[in-house]
Protein backbone atom coordinates (compact mmCIF):
# COMPACT_ATOMS: atom_id res chain seq x y z
CA MET A 1 -5.54 -10.39 -28.41
CA THR A 2 -3.17 -13.09 -29.70
CA LYS A 3 -1.14 -15.28 -27.44
CA GLY A 4 2.08 -13.94 -28.92
CA ALA A 5 1.46 -10.38 -27.72
CA PRO A 6 3.90 -9.05 -25.10
CA HIS A 7 2.77 -9.98 -21.61
CA VAL A 8 2.47 -7.19 -19.04
CA VAL A 9 2.10 -8.37 -15.45
CA ILE A 10 0.93 -5.83 -12.87
CA VAL A 11 1.30 -6.82 -9.23
CA GLY A 12 -1.04 -4.80 -7.02
CA VAL A 13 -4.26 -3.15 -8.17
CA GLY A 14 -4.21 -0.01 -6.10
CA PHE A 15 -4.27 3.47 -7.61
CA GLY A 16 -1.07 2.98 -9.60
CA GLY A 17 -1.73 -0.53 -10.86
CA LEU A 18 -5.28 0.29 -11.90
CA SER A 19 -4.20 3.49 -13.68
CA ALA A 20 -1.61 1.54 -15.67
CA ALA A 21 -4.08 -1.19 -16.61
CA ARG A 22 -6.67 1.31 -17.79
CA ALA A 23 -4.08 3.26 -19.79
CA LEU A 24 -3.09 0.03 -21.57
CA ALA A 25 -6.66 -0.81 -22.60
CA GLY A 26 -6.60 -1.51 -26.31
CA ALA A 27 -2.80 -1.71 -26.47
CA PRO A 28 -1.29 -4.68 -28.36
CA VAL A 29 -0.36 -6.46 -25.12
CA ARG A 30 -1.75 -9.11 -22.78
CA ILE A 31 -2.25 -7.78 -19.25
CA THR A 32 -2.46 -9.88 -16.10
CA LEU A 33 -3.46 -8.12 -12.89
CA ILE A 34 -2.45 -9.93 -9.70
CA ASP A 35 -3.75 -8.97 -6.28
CA ARG A 36 -4.40 -10.89 -3.07
CA ARG A 37 -7.76 -9.13 -2.73
CA ASN A 38 -10.54 -9.07 -5.28
CA HIS A 39 -11.28 -5.36 -4.91
CA HIS A 40 -9.78 -1.97 -5.57
CA LEU A 41 -9.97 0.18 -2.43
CA PHE A 42 -10.34 3.96 -2.32
CA GLN A 43 -7.99 4.39 0.63
CA PRO A 44 -8.47 8.15 1.23
CA LEU A 45 -11.96 7.42 2.63
CA LEU A 46 -10.99 4.33 4.60
CA TYR A 47 -10.93 6.35 7.83
CA GLN A 48 -14.67 6.94 7.38
CA VAL A 49 -15.27 3.21 7.47
CA ALA A 50 -13.18 3.04 10.65
CA THR A 51 -15.30 5.77 12.25
CA ALA A 52 -18.68 4.40 11.11
CA GLY A 53 -19.35 7.05 8.47
CA LEU A 54 -19.35 4.73 5.45
CA SER A 55 -19.61 1.01 4.81
CA PRO A 56 -16.80 -0.89 3.04
CA SER A 57 -18.83 -1.55 -0.11
CA GLU A 58 -19.15 2.20 -0.70
CA ILE A 59 -15.41 2.74 -1.15
CA ALA A 60 -14.40 -0.51 -2.85
CA GLN A 61 -15.13 -2.07 -6.22
CA PRO A 62 -14.42 -5.61 -7.51
CA ILE A 63 -11.40 -5.54 -9.80
CA ARG A 64 -13.03 -7.81 -12.35
CA SER A 65 -16.00 -5.49 -12.73
CA ILE A 66 -13.68 -2.49 -13.27
CA VAL A 67 -11.74 -4.09 -16.15
CA ARG A 68 -14.42 -6.35 -17.62
CA GLY A 69 -14.60 -4.17 -20.72
CA GLN A 70 -10.86 -4.62 -21.43
CA ALA A 71 -10.50 -7.64 -23.69
CA ASN A 72 -6.72 -7.72 -23.24
CA THR A 73 -6.87 -7.90 -19.42
CA SER A 74 -7.23 -10.86 -17.06
CA VAL A 75 -7.27 -10.94 -13.26
CA LEU A 76 -5.66 -13.38 -10.84
CA LEU A 77 -6.62 -13.53 -7.17
CA ALA A 78 -3.32 -14.68 -5.69
CA GLU A 79 -0.45 -13.70 -3.42
CA VAL A 80 2.95 -13.06 -4.97
CA THR A 81 5.74 -14.74 -3.02
CA GLY A 82 8.70 -13.62 -5.11
CA VAL A 83 10.12 -12.67 -8.49
CA ASP A 84 12.69 -14.60 -10.53
CA ALA A 85 14.09 -11.66 -12.45
CA ASP A 86 16.57 -13.77 -14.45
CA ALA A 87 13.80 -16.09 -15.67
CA ARG A 88 11.34 -13.20 -15.96
CA THR A 89 8.69 -14.94 -13.90
CA VAL A 90 6.50 -13.94 -10.97
CA LEU A 91 6.21 -16.57 -8.25
CA LEU A 92 2.80 -17.45 -6.82
CA GLY A 93 3.86 -20.17 -4.44
CA ASP A 94 4.58 -23.15 -6.70
CA ARG A 95 3.09 -21.43 -9.72
CA ARG A 96 5.06 -19.22 -12.12
CA ILE A 97 3.74 -16.46 -14.37
CA ALA A 98 6.05 -15.37 -17.19
CA TYR A 99 6.24 -11.70 -18.15
CA ASP A 100 7.79 -9.45 -20.77
CA HIS A 101 7.13 -6.31 -18.71
CA LEU A 102 6.55 -6.32 -14.96
CA MET A 103 5.14 -3.53 -12.86
CA LEU A 104 5.36 -3.75 -9.06
CA ALA A 105 2.73 -1.63 -7.33
CA THR A 106 2.59 -3.59 -4.11
CA GLY A 107 1.83 -0.74 -1.70
CA ALA A 108 2.96 -0.43 1.89
CA ARG A 109 2.30 -1.81 5.35
CA HIS A 110 2.39 -0.30 8.81
CA ALA A 111 5.75 0.55 10.38
CA TYR A 112 6.22 0.57 14.15
CA PHE A 113 9.85 1.72 14.19
CA GLY A 114 11.25 -1.49 15.58
CA HIS A 115 8.33 -2.17 17.94
CA ASP A 116 6.22 -4.63 15.96
CA GLU A 117 4.76 -5.89 19.24
CA TRP A 118 2.74 -2.65 19.41
CA GLU A 119 0.64 -3.65 16.40
CA ALA A 120 -1.63 -5.91 18.47
CA HIS A 121 -2.64 -2.93 20.62
CA ALA A 122 -2.40 -0.13 18.04
CA PRO A 123 -3.73 -1.26 14.64
CA GLY A 124 -2.99 0.78 11.55
CA LEU A 125 -5.32 1.64 8.69
CA LYS A 126 -4.46 0.19 5.28
CA ARG A 127 -7.13 -2.41 4.51
CA ILE A 128 -10.88 -2.85 4.89
CA GLU A 129 -10.15 -5.44 7.58
CA ASP A 130 -8.17 -2.79 9.50
CA ALA A 131 -11.03 -0.32 9.23
CA THR A 132 -13.69 -2.72 10.45
CA GLU A 133 -11.45 -3.81 13.33
CA ILE A 134 -10.86 -0.19 14.37
CA ARG A 135 -14.60 0.49 14.09
CA ARG A 136 -15.25 -2.53 16.30
CA ARG A 137 -12.79 -1.29 18.92
CA ILE A 138 -14.19 2.25 18.92
CA LEU A 139 -17.85 1.24 19.18
CA THR A 140 -17.18 -1.54 21.68
CA ALA A 141 -15.34 0.94 23.91
CA PHE A 142 -18.54 2.98 24.27
CA GLU A 143 -20.59 -0.15 24.94
CA ALA A 144 -18.12 -1.33 27.59
CA ALA A 145 -18.07 2.11 29.23
CA GLU A 146 -21.87 2.08 29.46
CA SER A 147 -21.77 -0.99 31.71
CA MET A 148 -18.67 0.04 33.69
CA ASP A 149 -19.11 1.26 37.27
CA ASP A 150 -15.47 2.14 38.01
CA PRO A 151 -14.89 5.82 37.02
CA ALA A 152 -11.20 5.31 36.17
CA ALA A 153 -11.95 2.36 33.92
CA ARG A 154 -14.75 4.29 32.28
CA ARG A 155 -12.44 7.24 31.57
CA SER A 156 -9.92 4.84 30.05
CA LEU A 157 -12.56 3.38 27.77
CA LEU A 158 -13.64 6.85 26.66
CA THR A 159 -10.07 7.91 25.86
CA PHE A 160 -8.88 7.41 22.28
CA VAL A 161 -5.28 7.97 21.18
CA VAL A 162 -4.32 8.47 17.55
CA VAL A 163 -0.58 8.26 16.85
CA GLY A 164 0.59 10.29 13.86
CA GLY A 165 -0.28 13.82 12.79
CA GLY A 166 -0.39 13.35 9.03
CA PRO A 167 -3.64 13.45 7.02
CA THR A 168 -4.83 10.03 8.19
CA GLY A 169 -4.23 10.82 11.86
CA VAL A 170 -5.83 14.25 11.65
CA GLU A 171 -8.87 12.91 9.81
CA LEU A 172 -9.29 10.01 12.25
CA ALA A 173 -9.03 12.24 15.32
CA GLY A 174 -11.61 14.69 14.00
CA ALA A 175 -13.98 11.92 12.92
CA ILE A 176 -13.84 10.15 16.31
CA VAL A 177 -14.75 13.40 18.09
CA GLU A 178 -17.68 14.01 15.77
CA LEU A 179 -18.86 10.41 16.14
CA ALA A 180 -18.79 10.68 19.93
CA ARG A 181 -20.15 14.17 20.38
CA ARG A 182 -22.75 14.21 17.64
CA ALA A 183 -23.80 10.77 16.38
CA LEU A 184 -23.60 8.94 19.73
CA ALA A 185 -24.49 11.80 22.05
CA ALA A 186 -28.10 10.72 22.68
CA ASP A 187 -27.68 6.95 22.39
CA PHE A 188 -26.42 6.09 25.89
CA ARG A 189 -27.88 6.48 29.37
CA ALA A 190 -25.09 5.79 31.87
CA ILE A 191 -22.35 7.67 29.99
CA ASP A 192 -22.15 10.96 28.16
CA PRO A 193 -20.21 10.37 24.91
CA ARG A 194 -19.59 14.12 24.71
CA GLN A 195 -17.06 13.63 27.51
CA THR A 196 -14.92 11.49 25.21
CA ARG A 197 -11.23 12.40 25.18
CA VAL A 198 -9.34 12.17 21.88
CA VAL A 199 -5.56 12.64 21.92
CA LEU A 200 -3.57 13.15 18.72
CA VAL A 201 0.17 12.47 19.13
CA GLU A 202 2.74 13.78 16.65
CA ALA A 203 6.49 13.38 17.19
CA GLY A 204 7.22 16.38 14.98
CA GLU A 205 6.67 20.03 15.70
CA ARG A 206 3.37 20.40 13.86
CA VAL A 207 0.47 18.42 12.41
CA LEU A 208 0.26 17.97 8.63
CA PRO A 209 4.00 18.61 8.19
CA ALA A 210 3.75 18.25 4.39
CA PHE A 211 1.49 21.31 4.26
CA PRO A 212 2.58 24.95 4.51
CA GLU A 213 2.92 26.19 8.09
CA SER A 214 -0.12 28.47 7.78
CA LEU A 215 -2.39 25.56 6.84
CA SER A 216 -0.79 23.33 9.45
CA ALA A 217 -1.60 25.97 12.07
CA ALA A 218 -5.16 26.28 10.74
CA ALA A 219 -5.62 22.51 11.04
CA HIS A 220 -4.23 22.58 14.57
CA ARG A 221 -6.72 25.28 15.57
CA ALA A 222 -9.60 23.39 13.96
CA LEU A 223 -8.69 20.22 15.85
CA GLU A 224 -8.61 22.07 19.15
CA ARG A 225 -11.95 23.72 18.42
CA LEU A 226 -13.39 20.26 17.90
CA GLY A 227 -11.97 19.19 21.25
CA VAL A 228 -9.00 17.11 20.13
CA GLU A 229 -6.04 17.24 22.49
CA VAL A 230 -2.97 17.72 20.30
CA ARG A 231 0.44 16.69 21.67
CA LEU A 232 3.45 17.68 19.57
CA GLY A 233 7.20 17.18 19.72
CA THR A 234 7.19 13.98 21.77
CA PRO A 235 7.17 10.45 20.29
CA VAL A 236 5.36 7.44 21.66
CA THR A 237 7.76 5.38 23.75
CA ASP A 238 5.55 2.46 24.83
CA VAL A 239 2.22 0.87 23.97
CA ASP A 240 0.32 -1.88 25.73
CA ALA A 241 -3.26 -3.11 26.08
CA ASP A 242 -4.27 -0.47 28.61
CA SER A 243 -2.08 2.58 27.99
CA VAL A 244 0.28 4.53 25.79
CA ARG A 245 3.36 6.37 27.04
CA ILE A 246 4.27 9.66 25.39
CA GLY A 247 7.68 10.65 26.67
CA GLY A 248 7.22 10.61 30.43
CA VAL A 249 3.42 10.86 30.32
CA LEU A 250 1.26 7.74 30.65
CA ILE A 251 -2.26 7.91 29.18
CA ALA A 252 -4.70 5.21 30.20
CA THR A 253 -6.65 4.10 27.13
CA ARG A 254 -8.13 0.96 25.63
CA THR A 255 -8.18 2.23 22.04
CA ILE A 256 -5.00 3.26 20.21
CA ILE A 257 -4.85 3.79 16.45
CA TRP A 258 -1.54 3.89 14.56
CA ALA A 259 -1.13 6.42 11.73
CA ALA A 260 2.54 7.24 12.20
CA GLY A 261 4.57 5.37 9.64
CA VAL A 262 4.68 2.97 6.72
CA ALA A 263 7.14 0.42 5.40
CA ALA A 264 7.33 -0.86 1.85
CA SER A 265 6.36 -4.34 0.74
CA PRO A 266 9.11 -6.98 0.31
CA ALA A 267 9.49 -6.16 -3.40
CA ALA A 268 13.10 -5.00 -3.00
CA ARG A 269 13.95 -8.30 -1.34
CA TRP A 270 12.24 -10.23 -4.12
CA LEU A 271 14.57 -8.58 -6.64
CA GLY A 272 17.68 -8.62 -4.46
CA VAL A 273 18.14 -4.86 -4.73
CA ALA A 274 18.81 -2.30 -2.04
CA GLY A 275 15.92 -0.29 -0.70
CA ASP A 276 15.80 3.06 1.07
CA ARG A 277 15.29 3.21 4.83
CA SER A 278 11.58 2.45 4.37
CA GLY A 279 12.38 -0.51 2.12
CA ARG A 280 11.30 1.16 -1.14
CA ILE A 281 13.18 0.41 -4.36
CA VAL A 282 15.27 3.36 -5.53
CA VAL A 283 14.21 3.47 -9.17
CA ALA A 284 15.74 5.08 -12.26
CA PRO A 285 14.23 8.32 -13.66
CA ASP A 286 11.93 6.30 -15.95
CA LEU A 287 10.68 4.23 -12.93
CA THR A 288 12.57 1.10 -13.94
CA VAL A 289 14.56 -0.98 -11.47
CA PRO A 290 18.30 -0.34 -12.01
CA GLY A 291 19.74 -3.09 -14.19
CA ARG A 292 16.27 -4.45 -14.96
CA PRO A 293 14.72 -2.27 -17.69
CA GLU A 294 11.78 -4.68 -18.06
CA ILE A 295 10.72 -4.15 -14.41
CA PHE A 296 8.99 -1.00 -13.19
CA ALA A 297 8.23 -0.06 -9.58
CA ILE A 298 5.77 2.66 -8.60
CA GLY A 299 3.83 4.15 -5.70
CA ASP A 300 4.77 3.04 -2.20
CA THR A 301 7.04 0.39 -3.71
CA ALA A 302 9.36 2.98 -5.29
CA SER A 303 11.52 5.86 -4.16
CA ILE A 304 12.20 8.66 -6.63
CA ALA A 305 13.02 12.31 -6.04
CA GLY A 306 10.70 15.10 -7.07
CA ARG A 307 11.75 18.45 -8.47
CA ASP A 308 12.70 19.68 -5.00
CA GLY A 309 15.12 16.77 -4.54
CA ARG A 310 13.02 15.09 -1.85
CA PRO A 311 11.43 11.66 -2.36
CA LEU A 312 7.90 11.85 -3.68
CA PRO A 313 5.27 11.02 -1.04
CA GLY A 314 3.35 7.77 -1.08
CA VAL A 315 0.00 9.29 -2.00
CA ALA A 316 -2.64 8.43 -4.58
CA PRO A 317 -1.87 11.22 -7.11
CA VAL A 318 1.77 10.14 -7.33
CA ALA A 319 0.86 6.48 -7.85
CA LYS A 320 -1.77 7.29 -10.49
CA GLN A 321 0.58 9.48 -12.51
CA GLN A 322 3.33 6.87 -12.25
CA GLY A 323 0.95 4.15 -13.44
CA ARG A 324 0.01 6.19 -16.48
CA HIS A 325 3.70 6.91 -17.14
CA VAL A 326 4.56 3.20 -17.11
CA ALA A 327 1.70 2.47 -19.52
CA ALA A 328 2.98 5.19 -21.86
CA ALA A 329 6.55 3.85 -21.57
CA ILE A 330 5.42 0.35 -22.56
CA ARG A 331 3.54 1.72 -25.55
CA LEU A 332 6.65 3.67 -26.62
CA ARG A 333 8.83 0.58 -26.30
CA LEU A 334 6.46 -1.36 -28.52
CA ALA A 335 6.93 1.39 -31.09
CA GLY A 336 10.72 1.19 -30.72
CA ARG A 337 11.03 4.54 -28.99
CA PRO A 338 12.64 5.34 -25.61
CA ALA A 339 10.55 6.48 -22.67
CA PRO A 340 11.15 9.91 -21.12
CA PRO A 341 11.89 10.32 -17.41
CA PHE A 342 8.93 10.55 -15.05
CA ARG A 343 7.87 14.05 -14.02
CA TYR A 344 5.32 14.43 -11.27
CA ARG A 345 2.79 17.22 -11.64
CA HIS A 346 1.69 18.39 -8.22
CA PHE A 347 -1.96 19.46 -8.23
CA GLY A 348 -2.29 20.04 -4.49
CA ASN A 349 -2.83 18.48 -1.08
CA MET A 350 -6.04 18.31 0.93
CA ALA A 351 -7.03 17.08 4.37
CA THR A 352 -10.28 17.30 6.29
CA ILE A 353 -10.56 17.83 10.03
CA GLY A 354 -14.31 17.69 10.55
CA ARG A 355 -17.58 19.30 9.63
CA LYS A 356 -16.90 22.48 7.64
CA ALA A 357 -13.19 22.22 8.45
CA ALA A 358 -10.45 21.26 6.00
CA VAL A 359 -7.25 22.58 4.47
CA ALA A 360 -6.20 22.62 0.82
CA ASP A 361 -2.83 23.58 -0.65
CA PHE A 362 -2.58 24.34 -4.36
CA GLY A 363 0.69 26.21 -4.28
CA ARG A 364 -0.17 29.87 -4.60
CA ILE A 365 -3.77 29.16 -3.61
CA ARG A 366 -4.32 28.01 -0.04
CA LEU A 367 -7.74 27.38 1.44
CA SER A 368 -9.05 26.45 4.86
CA GLY A 369 -12.42 26.11 6.52
CA LEU A 370 -15.68 25.65 4.61
CA PRO A 371 -14.35 26.29 1.05
CA ALA A 372 -11.60 23.69 1.52
CA TRP A 373 -14.10 21.26 3.06
CA LEU A 374 -16.50 21.54 0.11
CA LEU A 375 -13.63 21.13 -2.36
CA TRP A 376 -12.29 18.12 -0.45
CA GLY A 377 -15.70 16.43 -0.59
CA ALA A 378 -16.21 17.13 -4.29
CA ALA A 379 -12.74 15.84 -5.20
CA HIS A 380 -13.13 12.62 -3.26
CA VAL A 381 -16.52 11.86 -4.76
CA TYR A 382 -15.20 12.59 -8.25
CA PHE A 383 -12.29 10.16 -7.94
CA LEU A 384 -14.32 7.28 -6.50
CA ILE A 385 -14.67 4.26 -8.79
CA GLY A 386 -18.22 3.66 -10.04
CA PHE A 387 -21.39 5.74 -10.18
CA ARG A 388 -23.11 3.63 -7.51
CA ASN A 389 -20.32 4.32 -5.02
CA ARG A 390 -20.37 8.04 -5.80
CA LEU A 391 -24.11 8.21 -5.28
CA ALA A 392 -24.00 6.16 -2.07
CA VAL A 393 -21.26 8.31 -0.54
CA VAL A 394 -23.02 11.58 -1.43
CA LEU A 395 -26.31 10.36 0.05
CA ASN A 396 -24.57 9.15 3.21
CA TRP A 397 -22.77 12.45 3.64
CA LEU A 398 -25.96 14.45 3.10
CA TRP A 399 -27.80 12.29 5.63
CA ALA A 400 -25.01 12.63 8.19
CA TYR A 401 -24.82 16.39 7.65
CA ALA A 402 -28.57 16.88 8.06
CA THR A 403 -29.15 14.48 10.98
CA PHE A 404 -25.75 14.27 12.73
CA GLN A 405 -26.08 10.48 12.44
CA ASN A 406 -23.50 8.02 11.14
CA GLY A 407 -25.09 5.23 9.14
CA SER A 408 -22.66 2.31 9.57
CA ARG A 409 -22.40 1.84 13.34
CA LEU A 410 -22.16 -1.94 13.22
CA ILE A 411 -19.95 -3.94 15.55
CA THR A 412 -18.61 -7.02 13.80
CA GLY A 413 -16.50 -9.73 15.37
CA SER A 414 -16.43 -10.37 19.12
CA THR A 415 -18.54 -8.02 21.23
CA ILE A 416 -17.59 -9.51 24.60
CA LYS A 417 -14.25 -7.75 25.06
CA ASN A 418 -12.80 -4.49 23.84
CA ARG A 419 -9.76 -6.42 22.61
């Protein structure tokens, strides 16, 4: 690829950024991928790292190894600090990277609805570091309870609160119950992990609100069968190191996990454009930033309405389709043709609750229970990056299913305190 080829800079190598880069393989452009981490993460299975079902290396792949066959693509491990849209440069501290086309796929961070001080006590789940920290807190809680003589303190240690009833919260709650009542059941002497209490808190009227009511109800029933205590219709009003307050109810707990909200990256601020209430850039129909046709924003960075008039959700299928659309738009521009507006094709939603329990919504076809669970597992294995990761995940799942044992129960970091 010659130096004079148009330069496409992609900031963020999540689902959307990676899809765009792959779709531009062989195109007459130079591509630079910029990310502050050297790996692409399969986020839908991150909760399994947090609950000791999988290890980080099984759901992540080095970016360089993914694109090493693309001669027109280079990778920079760096943190973007801003964008000079007038000069068409991306800022990496004191360094500047010029672009002809820029795609912002910078993802999202946790949102605590004006209570950022809660983050220290209620970590969210977006990165491998988050998952290993949550795993440390969960496993250390059991270890601390084993050596605790005070019954009240022991109950607090064996109480886990998950805030947020979307797919991540539902999957976390179910996985913690199964970890405690199956994998850890015979490992302790002074405590009985089967007495673990898991509370799922959702401010809305039902779990999985993006799913049809029938599947939401099925998920609720499956959670309760597992032993999860579901609390609906009341938001969290306070969080500290030893408790969480839900309305007027105080729950003593040492382990709180946040799955309730997200906020966009600072991309809108970089460009000096208005964002929606979550900070996402309101993009044009072709996913460009208004007034900046050379800049695209996708995934959690962008806000665009679907066919029903509501903003598209920040999920992997949306980001992947948007990434491919941007790649196609750049190819069309190189050919002197305009790009069509983005149209999202909805192929369905899935969420798992636990062993043999899941829900799947494909419009007219709605599944729950074992069929949905098998389909969920097959889909997630299929979309993993790399044959080695697919094989490792399948073998781990088969082992866990046959033996009721989780294979990654390692405590990393400090083991002295539960905080």
